[in-house]
N, C-alpha and C. Protein backbone atom coordinates (compact mmCIF):
# COMPACT_ATOMS: atom_id res chain seq x y z
N MET A 1 29.55 201.66 133.55
CA MET A 1 30.24 200.63 133.55
C MET A 1 30.86 200.17 132.42
N ASP A 2 31.76 199.54 132.49
CA ASP A 2 32.58 199.03 131.14
C ASP A 2 32.00 198.00 130.55
N PRO A 3 31.73 197.84 129.05
CA PRO A 3 31.02 196.88 128.52
C PRO A 3 31.82 195.62 128.45
N ILE A 4 33.16 195.73 128.40
CA ILE A 4 34.21 194.53 128.45
C ILE A 4 33.97 193.61 129.82
N ALA A 5 33.56 194.25 130.92
CA ALA A 5 33.59 193.62 132.30
C ALA A 5 32.37 192.73 132.10
N LEU A 6 31.40 192.99 131.55
CA LEU A 6 29.93 192.58 131.31
C LEU A 6 30.00 191.33 130.24
N LEU A 7 31.12 191.12 129.72
CA LEU A 7 31.31 190.15 128.52
C LEU A 7 31.17 188.80 128.86
N PRO A 8 31.93 188.42 130.12
CA PRO A 8 31.82 187.09 130.61
C PRO A 8 30.30 186.77 131.09
N PHE A 9 29.81 187.58 131.64
CA PHE A 9 28.31 187.37 132.09
C PHE A 9 27.36 187.02 130.77
N ILE A 10 27.41 187.86 129.52
CA ILE A 10 26.84 187.70 128.57
C ILE A 10 26.99 186.31 127.90
N VAL A 11 28.28 185.91 127.81
CA VAL A 11 28.53 184.66 127.34
C VAL A 11 28.04 183.35 128.09
N ILE A 12 27.91 183.50 129.42
CA ILE A 12 27.38 182.47 130.34
C ILE A 12 25.87 182.27 129.99
N ILE A 13 25.26 183.62 129.91
CA ILE A 13 23.71 183.57 129.76
C ILE A 13 23.24 183.09 128.28
N GLY A 14 24.37 183.51 127.48
CA GLY A 14 23.95 182.94 126.15
C GLY A 14 24.09 181.53 125.96
N ALA A 15 25.15 180.69 126.59
CA ALA A 15 25.29 179.43 126.67
C ALA A 15 24.23 178.59 127.26
N MET A 16 23.83 179.15 128.48
CA MET A 16 22.53 178.71 129.24
C MET A 16 21.26 178.57 128.32
N PHE A 17 21.06 179.69 127.54
CA PHE A 17 20.19 179.71 126.65
C PHE A 17 20.02 178.81 125.61
N LEU A 18 21.19 178.50 124.98
CA LEU A 18 21.22 177.57 123.90
C LEU A 18 21.07 176.25 124.29
N MET A 19 21.79 175.93 125.66
CA MET A 19 21.52 174.52 126.14
C MET A 19 20.02 174.06 126.45
N THR A 20 19.42 175.11 127.14
CA THR A 20 17.82 174.71 127.48
C THR A 20 17.04 174.80 126.09
N ARG A 21 17.47 175.52 125.21
CA ARG A 21 16.73 175.53 123.85
C ARG A 21 16.95 174.11 123.22
N SER A 22 18.15 173.63 123.28
CA SER A 22 18.15 172.27 122.57
C SER A 22 17.45 171.09 123.42
N ALA A 23 17.32 171.41 124.73
CA ALA A 23 16.72 170.51 125.43
C ALA A 23 15.18 170.22 125.19
N LYS A 24 14.82 171.63 125.20
CA LYS A 24 13.31 171.89 124.80
C LYS A 24 13.02 171.15 123.39
N LYS A 25 14.00 171.30 122.62
CA LYS A 25 13.68 170.91 121.10
C LYS A 25 13.70 169.27 121.18
N LYS A 26 14.45 168.55 121.97
CA LYS A 26 14.64 167.12 122.19
C LYS A 26 13.44 166.65 122.76
N GLN A 27 12.88 167.30 123.75
CA GLN A 27 11.53 167.04 124.56
C GLN A 27 10.43 167.13 123.51
N ARG A 28 10.50 168.17 122.76
CA ARG A 28 9.29 168.40 121.73
C ARG A 28 9.25 167.17 120.83
N GLN A 29 10.53 166.80 120.09
CA GLN A 29 10.46 165.78 119.20
C GLN A 29 9.94 164.52 119.75
N ALA A 30 10.50 164.25 120.97
CA ALA A 30 10.03 163.01 121.84
C ALA A 30 8.62 162.91 122.08
N MET A 31 8.16 164.09 122.35
CA MET A 31 6.54 164.09 122.36
C MET A 31 5.86 163.81 121.38
N GLN A 32 6.24 164.38 120.13
CA GLN A 32 5.65 164.21 118.81
C GLN A 32 5.85 162.58 118.40
N MET A 33 6.99 162.01 118.68
CA MET A 33 7.27 160.67 118.61
C MET A 33 6.23 159.62 119.20
N ARG A 34 5.91 160.22 120.35
CA ARG A 34 5.07 159.35 121.46
C ARG A 34 3.44 159.47 120.82
N ASP A 35 3.36 160.83 120.26
CA ASP A 35 1.75 160.91 119.67
C ASP A 35 1.70 160.15 118.47
N GLN A 36 2.80 159.75 117.88
CA GLN A 36 2.62 158.98 116.63
C GLN A 36 2.18 157.43 116.90
N MET A 37 2.14 157.10 118.18
CA MET A 37 2.04 155.80 118.24
C MET A 37 0.43 155.45 118.13
N GLN A 38 0.18 154.27 117.65
CA GLN A 38 -1.15 153.88 117.56
C GLN A 38 -1.07 152.39 117.95
N PRO A 39 -2.35 151.72 118.06
CA PRO A 39 -2.39 150.35 118.51
C PRO A 39 -1.90 149.62 117.34
N GLY A 40 -0.97 148.59 117.58
CA GLY A 40 -0.31 147.85 116.49
C GLY A 40 0.96 148.16 116.06
N THR A 41 1.46 149.48 116.65
CA THR A 41 2.73 149.94 116.29
C THR A 41 3.88 149.23 117.35
N GLY A 42 4.92 148.97 116.62
CA GLY A 42 6.01 148.37 117.26
C GLY A 42 6.96 149.60 117.82
N ILE A 43 7.25 149.12 119.21
CA ILE A 43 8.11 150.14 119.94
C ILE A 43 9.33 149.59 120.68
N ARG A 44 10.36 150.43 120.99
CA ARG A 44 11.34 149.91 121.87
C ARG A 44 11.38 150.89 123.11
N THR A 45 11.28 150.26 124.41
CA THR A 45 11.36 151.17 125.51
C THR A 45 12.89 151.40 125.79
N ILE A 46 13.01 152.41 126.79
CA ILE A 46 14.28 153.12 127.09
C ILE A 46 15.15 151.68 127.75
N GLY A 47 14.70 150.82 128.23
CA GLY A 47 15.30 149.64 128.70
C GLY A 47 15.92 148.70 127.67
N GLY A 48 15.34 149.03 126.32
CA GLY A 48 15.68 148.02 125.32
C GLY A 48 14.72 146.79 125.05
N MET A 49 13.49 146.98 125.74
CA MET A 49 12.42 145.79 125.29
C MET A 49 11.80 146.27 124.15
N TYR A 50 11.62 145.35 123.21
CA TYR A 50 10.87 145.38 121.99
C TYR A 50 9.32 144.98 122.27
N ALA A 51 8.32 145.83 121.89
CA ALA A 51 6.84 145.39 122.22
C ALA A 51 6.05 145.91 121.18
N VAL A 52 4.78 145.49 121.11
CA VAL A 52 3.59 146.19 120.05
C VAL A 52 2.66 146.93 120.97
N VAL A 53 2.39 147.86 120.66
CA VAL A 53 1.38 148.63 121.30
C VAL A 53 -0.16 148.03 121.28
N LYS A 54 -0.88 148.08 122.39
CA LYS A 54 -2.04 147.32 122.32
C LYS A 54 -3.13 148.46 122.75
N GLU A 55 -2.77 149.21 123.71
CA GLU A 55 -3.57 150.41 124.02
C GLU A 55 -3.06 151.56 124.50
N ILE A 56 -3.45 152.84 124.22
CA ILE A 56 -2.83 153.91 124.63
C ILE A 56 -3.77 154.69 125.49
N ARG A 57 -3.28 154.94 126.78
CA ARG A 57 -4.00 155.65 127.72
C ARG A 57 -3.39 157.04 127.94
N GLU A 58 -4.09 157.86 128.92
CA GLU A 58 -3.59 159.36 129.07
C GLU A 58 -1.93 159.34 129.51
N ASP A 59 -1.62 158.62 130.50
CA ASP A 59 0.02 158.74 130.74
C ASP A 59 0.66 157.41 130.53
N SER A 60 -0.07 156.35 130.20
CA SER A 60 0.64 155.23 130.12
C SER A 60 0.33 154.33 128.88
N VAL A 61 1.04 153.34 128.44
CA VAL A 61 0.73 152.49 127.18
C VAL A 61 0.76 150.99 127.71
N LEU A 62 -0.34 150.44 127.07
CA LEU A 62 -0.38 148.87 127.49
C LEU A 62 0.22 148.46 126.03
N VAL A 63 1.36 147.57 126.37
CA VAL A 63 1.98 146.72 125.24
C VAL A 63 2.03 145.18 125.50
N GLU A 64 2.02 144.49 124.20
CA GLU A 64 2.03 143.19 124.16
C GLU A 64 3.65 142.72 123.76
N ILE A 65 4.39 142.12 124.89
CA ILE A 65 5.65 141.90 124.74
C ILE A 65 5.89 140.56 123.88
N GLU A 66 4.88 139.44 124.11
CA GLU A 66 4.82 138.52 123.21
C GLU A 66 3.23 138.10 123.29
N PRO A 67 2.83 137.12 122.46
CA PRO A 67 1.30 136.84 122.39
C PRO A 67 0.96 136.35 123.73
N GLY A 68 0.11 137.03 124.44
CA GLY A 68 -0.49 136.69 125.62
C GLY A 68 0.27 137.35 126.79
N THR A 69 1.23 138.08 126.70
CA THR A 69 2.00 138.71 127.70
C THR A 69 1.84 140.40 127.48
N HIS A 70 1.16 140.74 128.44
CA HIS A 70 1.05 142.26 128.48
C HIS A 70 1.75 143.00 129.57
N ALA A 71 2.42 144.23 129.25
CA ALA A 71 2.92 144.90 130.33
C ALA A 71 2.40 146.51 130.11
N LEU A 72 2.41 147.28 131.39
CA LEU A 72 2.04 148.64 131.33
C LEU A 72 3.30 149.59 131.34
N PHE A 73 3.44 150.24 130.46
CA PHE A 73 4.73 151.24 130.61
C PHE A 73 4.24 152.83 130.71
N ALA A 74 4.97 153.67 131.31
CA ALA A 74 4.66 155.08 131.35
C ALA A 74 5.00 155.44 129.86
N LYS A 75 4.49 156.49 129.45
CA LYS A 75 4.59 156.99 128.08
C LYS A 75 5.97 157.56 128.08
N ASN A 76 6.74 158.00 129.19
CA ASN A 76 8.10 158.54 129.09
C ASN A 76 9.08 157.36 128.94
N ALA A 77 8.63 156.14 129.09
CA ALA A 77 9.44 155.04 129.10
C ALA A 77 9.74 154.48 127.75
N ILE A 78 9.05 155.09 126.58
CA ILE A 78 9.02 154.73 125.24
C ILE A 78 10.33 155.24 124.85
N GLY A 79 11.00 154.63 124.22
CA GLY A 79 12.46 155.21 123.86
C GLY A 79 12.16 155.58 122.20
N ALA A 80 11.63 154.79 121.41
CA ALA A 80 11.49 154.91 120.10
C ALA A 80 10.21 154.25 119.65
N VAL A 81 9.55 154.94 118.65
CA VAL A 81 8.26 154.11 117.65
C VAL A 81 9.05 153.83 116.67
N LEU A 82 9.03 152.57 116.14
CA LEU A 82 9.71 151.94 115.11
C LEU A 82 8.56 151.78 113.76
N SER A 83 9.16 151.91 112.77
CA SER A 83 8.46 151.55 111.72
C SER A 83 8.14 150.06 111.56
N ASP A 84 7.14 149.62 110.87
CA ASP A 84 6.76 148.00 110.64
C ASP A 84 7.79 147.34 110.18
N GLU A 85 8.49 147.97 109.14
CA GLU A 85 9.67 146.85 108.53
C GLU A 85 10.80 146.76 109.52
N GLU A 86 11.07 147.82 110.25
CA GLU A 86 12.18 147.97 111.23
C GLU A 86 11.97 146.85 112.21
N PHE A 87 10.57 147.10 112.71
CA PHE A 87 10.33 146.12 114.04
C PHE A 87 10.42 144.59 113.81
N ASP A 88 9.72 144.34 112.49
CA ASP A 88 9.95 143.00 111.80
C ASP A 88 11.27 142.51 111.75
N ARG A 89 12.03 143.43 111.13
CA ARG A 89 13.61 142.99 110.98
C ARG A 89 14.32 142.54 112.33
N ILE A 90 13.93 143.58 113.33
CA ILE A 90 14.48 143.39 114.70
C ILE A 90 14.14 141.92 115.28
N THR A 91 12.84 141.83 115.31
CA THR A 91 11.99 140.72 116.34
C THR A 91 12.22 139.70 115.66
N ASN A 92 12.21 139.34 114.38
CA ASN A 92 12.07 138.17 113.43
C ASN A 92 13.46 137.87 112.81
N GLY A 93 14.47 138.89 112.87
CA GLY A 93 15.65 138.40 112.39
C GLY A 93 15.90 138.92 110.85
N PRO A 94 17.07 139.02 110.22
CA PRO A 94 17.00 139.90 108.97
C PRO A 94 16.37 138.89 107.85
N GLU A 95 16.33 137.59 107.88
CA GLU A 95 15.78 136.75 106.76
C GLU A 95 14.09 136.33 107.29
N GLY A 96 13.65 136.97 108.21
CA GLY A 96 12.40 136.56 108.68
C GLY A 96 12.32 135.26 109.56
N GLU A 97 13.58 134.69 110.12
CA GLU A 97 13.53 133.49 110.90
C GLU A 97 13.25 134.07 112.56
N GLU A 98 12.50 133.49 113.10
CA GLU A 98 12.20 133.66 114.44
C GLU A 98 13.27 133.24 115.12
N PHE A 99 13.64 133.76 116.47
CA PHE A 99 14.48 133.43 117.37
C PHE A 99 14.18 131.99 118.00
N ASP A 100 15.03 131.16 118.21
CA ASP A 100 14.65 129.83 118.97
C ASP A 100 14.65 130.08 120.28
N VAL A 101 13.35 129.97 120.88
CA VAL A 101 13.21 130.13 122.33
C VAL A 101 12.91 128.94 123.09
N ASP A 102 13.11 127.70 122.36
CA ASP A 102 12.97 126.46 123.05
C ASP A 102 14.19 125.97 123.28
N THR A 103 15.25 126.57 123.35
CA THR A 103 16.56 126.18 123.97
C THR A 103 16.58 125.78 125.46
N VAL A 104 16.94 124.79 125.73
CA VAL A 104 17.07 124.24 127.20
C VAL A 104 18.21 124.70 127.77
N VAL A 105 18.41 125.31 128.80
CA VAL A 105 19.62 125.72 129.65
C VAL A 105 19.54 124.92 130.82
N PRO A 106 20.65 124.11 131.14
CA PRO A 106 20.72 123.24 132.39
C PRO A 106 20.81 124.26 133.58
N ASP A 107 20.15 123.56 134.66
CA ASP A 107 20.23 124.12 135.89
C ASP A 107 21.61 124.37 136.46
N ASP A 108 22.41 123.28 135.98
CA ASP A 108 23.66 123.23 136.65
C ASP A 108 24.87 123.29 135.70
N ALA A 109 26.12 123.29 136.16
CA ALA A 109 27.18 123.31 134.87
C ALA A 109 27.67 121.77 134.79
N SER A 110 27.10 120.86 135.21
CA SER A 110 27.58 119.36 135.00
C SER A 110 27.70 119.08 133.64
N SER A 111 26.79 119.38 132.71
CA SER A 111 26.79 119.01 131.60
C SER A 111 27.62 120.03 130.52
N LEU A 112 28.43 120.80 131.28
CA LEU A 112 29.33 121.95 130.70
C LEU A 112 30.76 121.16 130.66
N THR A 113 31.02 120.39 131.60
CA THR A 113 32.37 119.83 131.79
C THR A 113 32.41 118.49 131.35
N GLN A 114 33.65 118.37 130.92
CA GLN A 114 33.91 117.04 130.41
C GLN A 114 34.73 116.18 131.47
N GLU A 115 34.22 114.82 131.60
CA GLU A 115 34.73 113.88 132.62
C GLU A 115 36.10 113.32 132.01
N ASP A 116 36.90 113.48 133.08
CA ASP A 116 38.51 113.02 132.79
C ASP A 116 38.66 111.56 132.87
N THR A 117 38.89 110.75 131.70
CA THR A 117 38.98 109.45 131.61
C THR A 117 40.40 108.90 131.51
N SER A 118 41.22 109.83 131.85
CA SER A 118 42.87 109.45 131.93
C SER A 118 43.02 108.29 133.07
N SER A 119 44.07 107.49 132.74
CA SER A 119 44.34 106.55 133.60
C SER A 119 45.09 106.98 134.93
N GLU A 120 45.32 108.33 135.20
CA GLU A 120 45.90 109.02 136.56
C GLU A 120 45.08 108.72 137.71
N ALA A 121 45.75 108.40 138.72
CA ALA A 121 45.07 108.17 139.87
C ALA A 121 44.39 109.53 140.42
N LYS A 122 43.11 109.30 140.88
CA LYS A 122 42.44 110.57 141.45
C LYS A 122 42.92 110.95 142.74
N LEU A 123 42.87 112.19 143.12
CA LEU A 123 43.10 112.48 144.65
C LEU A 123 42.09 112.29 145.47
N ASP A 124 42.69 111.67 146.75
CA ASP A 124 41.66 111.43 147.71
C ASP A 124 41.50 112.49 148.58
N LEU A 125 40.16 113.12 148.39
CA LEU A 125 39.61 114.24 149.25
C LEU A 125 38.97 113.97 150.43
N ALA A 126 39.10 112.83 150.87
CA ALA A 126 38.24 112.29 152.00
C ALA A 126 38.76 112.84 153.50
N LYS A 127 38.09 113.14 154.33
CA LYS A 127 38.63 113.56 155.61
C LYS A 127 39.30 112.38 156.27
N LYS A 128 40.47 112.68 156.81
CA LYS A 128 41.12 111.63 157.61
C LYS A 128 40.54 111.66 159.09
N ASP A 129 40.81 110.69 159.81
CA ASP A 129 40.41 110.68 161.28
C ASP A 129 41.61 111.23 162.09
N ALA A 130 41.22 111.40 163.29
CA ALA A 130 42.10 112.13 164.13
C ALA A 130 43.44 111.39 164.34
N ASP A 131 43.24 109.88 164.56
CA ASP A 131 44.46 108.93 164.60
C ASP A 131 45.25 109.16 163.43
N ASP A 132 44.93 109.27 162.29
CA ASP A 132 45.67 109.31 160.96
C ASP A 132 46.35 110.76 160.99
N ALA A 133 45.73 111.70 161.30
CA ALA A 133 46.35 113.15 161.50
C ALA A 133 47.53 113.19 162.69
N SER A 134 47.24 112.62 163.63
CA SER A 134 48.32 112.57 164.64
C SER A 134 49.40 111.77 164.05
N ASP A 135 49.40 110.58 163.51
CA ASP A 135 50.41 109.77 163.28
C ASP A 135 51.25 110.46 162.12
N ALA A 136 50.75 111.39 161.24
CA ALA A 136 51.24 112.19 160.16
C ALA A 136 52.06 113.29 160.83
N ALA A 137 51.50 113.93 161.95
CA ALA A 137 52.43 114.86 162.90
C ALA A 137 53.47 114.38 163.37
N GLU A 138 53.35 113.25 163.87
CA GLU A 138 54.56 112.52 164.69
C GLU A 138 55.69 112.14 163.58
N ASP A 139 55.25 111.70 162.41
CA ASP A 139 56.16 111.38 161.27
C ASP A 139 56.87 112.78 160.93
N LYS A 140 56.10 113.80 160.82
CA LYS A 140 56.95 114.99 160.42
C LYS A 140 57.70 115.58 161.50
N ASP A 141 57.58 115.47 162.84
CA ASP A 141 58.05 116.00 163.75
C ASP A 141 59.49 114.98 163.99
N GLY A 142 59.20 113.88 163.62
CA GLY A 142 60.48 112.79 163.72
C GLY A 142 61.60 113.18 162.54
N GLU A 143 60.95 113.64 161.32
CA GLU A 143 61.76 114.24 160.35
C GLU A 143 62.59 115.38 160.65
N GLU A 144 61.99 116.29 161.32
CA GLU A 144 62.45 117.59 161.67
C GLU A 144 63.58 117.29 162.70
N HIS A 145 63.52 116.46 163.61
CA HIS A 145 64.55 116.13 164.66
C HIS A 145 65.62 115.47 164.02
N ALA A 146 65.55 114.49 162.86
CA ALA A 146 66.50 113.99 162.27
C ALA A 146 67.18 114.98 161.39
N ALA A 147 66.69 115.94 160.85
CA ALA A 147 67.26 116.86 160.17
C ALA A 147 68.26 117.78 160.99
N ALA A 148 67.55 118.26 162.31
CA ALA A 148 68.24 118.91 163.19
C ALA A 148 69.57 118.42 163.76
N SER A 149 69.54 117.17 163.89
CA SER A 149 70.67 116.43 164.35
C SER A 149 71.88 116.42 163.41
N ASP A 150 71.75 116.78 162.26
CA ASP A 150 72.74 117.01 161.32
C ASP A 150 73.40 118.12 161.42
N GLU A 151 72.68 119.24 162.09
CA GLU A 151 73.35 120.60 162.13
C GLU A 151 74.20 120.57 163.31
N PRO A 152 75.08 121.46 163.58
CA PRO A 152 75.86 121.56 164.75
C PRO A 152 74.89 122.10 165.96
N LYS A 153 75.24 121.85 167.07
CA LYS A 153 74.24 122.01 168.22
C LYS A 153 74.05 123.43 168.23
N ALA A 154 75.06 124.54 168.06
CA ALA A 154 74.97 125.83 168.38
C ALA A 154 73.93 126.37 167.29
N GLU A 155 73.94 125.95 165.79
CA GLU A 155 73.11 126.36 165.14
C GLU A 155 71.74 126.09 165.23
N ALA A 156 71.51 124.77 165.83
CA ALA A 156 70.21 124.19 166.08
C ALA A 156 69.68 125.02 167.12
N ASP A 157 70.28 125.50 168.34
CA ASP A 157 69.78 126.38 169.53
C ASP A 157 69.53 127.74 168.90
N GLU A 158 70.29 128.34 167.90
CA GLU A 158 69.98 129.75 167.51
C GLU A 158 68.66 129.66 166.67
N SER A 159 68.57 128.72 165.82
CA SER A 159 67.20 128.66 164.91
C SER A 159 66.03 128.47 165.93
N ASP A 160 66.15 127.76 167.16
CA ASP A 160 64.86 127.56 167.93
C ASP A 160 64.61 129.05 168.62
N THR A 161 65.72 129.69 168.98
CA THR A 161 65.55 130.84 169.61
C THR A 161 64.89 131.99 168.63
N VAL A 162 65.19 131.91 167.38
CA VAL A 162 64.72 132.84 166.26
C VAL A 162 63.41 132.42 166.25
N GLN A 163 63.00 131.27 166.05
CA GLN A 163 61.44 130.94 165.83
C GLN A 163 60.81 131.09 167.01
N ALA A 164 61.45 131.03 167.91
CA ALA A 164 60.46 131.35 169.45
C ALA A 164 60.40 132.95 169.44
N LYS A 165 61.26 133.76 168.88
CA LYS A 165 60.75 135.29 169.07
C LYS A 165 59.78 135.78 167.84
N ASP A 166 60.09 134.97 166.82
CA ASP A 166 59.19 135.26 165.78
C ASP A 166 57.54 134.74 166.05
N GLY A 167 57.36 133.87 166.85
CA GLY A 167 56.21 133.39 167.19
C GLY A 167 55.66 132.51 166.12
N LYS A 168 56.64 131.89 165.29
CA LYS A 168 56.34 131.02 163.94
C LYS A 168 56.28 129.60 164.23
N ARG A 169 56.39 129.19 165.42
CA ARG A 169 56.29 127.85 165.63
C ARG A 169 55.02 127.12 165.23
N ASP A 170 54.73 125.84 164.95
CA ASP A 170 53.49 125.25 164.45
C ASP A 170 52.65 125.22 165.52
N GLU A 171 52.87 125.11 167.02
CA GLU A 171 51.99 125.48 168.01
C GLU A 171 51.45 126.74 168.28
N ASP A 172 52.32 127.82 167.72
CA ASP A 172 51.74 129.06 168.06
C ASP A 172 50.87 129.59 166.65
N ALA A 173 51.07 129.01 165.62
CA ALA A 173 50.26 129.33 164.46
C ALA A 173 48.93 129.00 164.62
N ASP A 174 48.40 127.98 165.42
CA ASP A 174 47.01 127.61 165.64
C ASP A 174 46.35 128.46 166.83
N SER A 175 47.15 129.07 167.56
CA SER A 175 46.74 130.00 168.58
C SER A 175 46.43 131.44 168.16
N LYS A 176 46.73 131.83 166.93
CA LYS A 176 46.46 133.27 166.45
C LYS A 176 45.09 133.22 165.67
């Protein structure tokens, strides 16, 4: 067999070997990092939650998220074990100030809007009775007939037939 024909296979096998080797190296480093955990160590989970380790079990870790609040995580969910200085800097802020957790957020957005106190008239959004709606419709029909009487008779008849063909009359629009 020709050694040049085997060259692509050798390259593919070499690439696969290098990829698996680097993945195993990363897994080994992550395992060593998780083995460094001790009670009292600050951690960051893979979801981005910061907590303090309280108890280490075989496959899980009991952490304290805030005083009195505990959670149980799988060891694989620990993304990083942080040094004490870094954990304090992240959780307490750069100057040692704690985050303000007493901020009250309103349940609705009413406090976020500003009331308009201008002298403009406000829109009337109330429902109209059926009698008011029919009066408005009659007024509108009267205006259309007045406008149609200004056109020559032939043009008015043409526009009626075009509207009838298209099915775009007001009566037809409600039936669709």
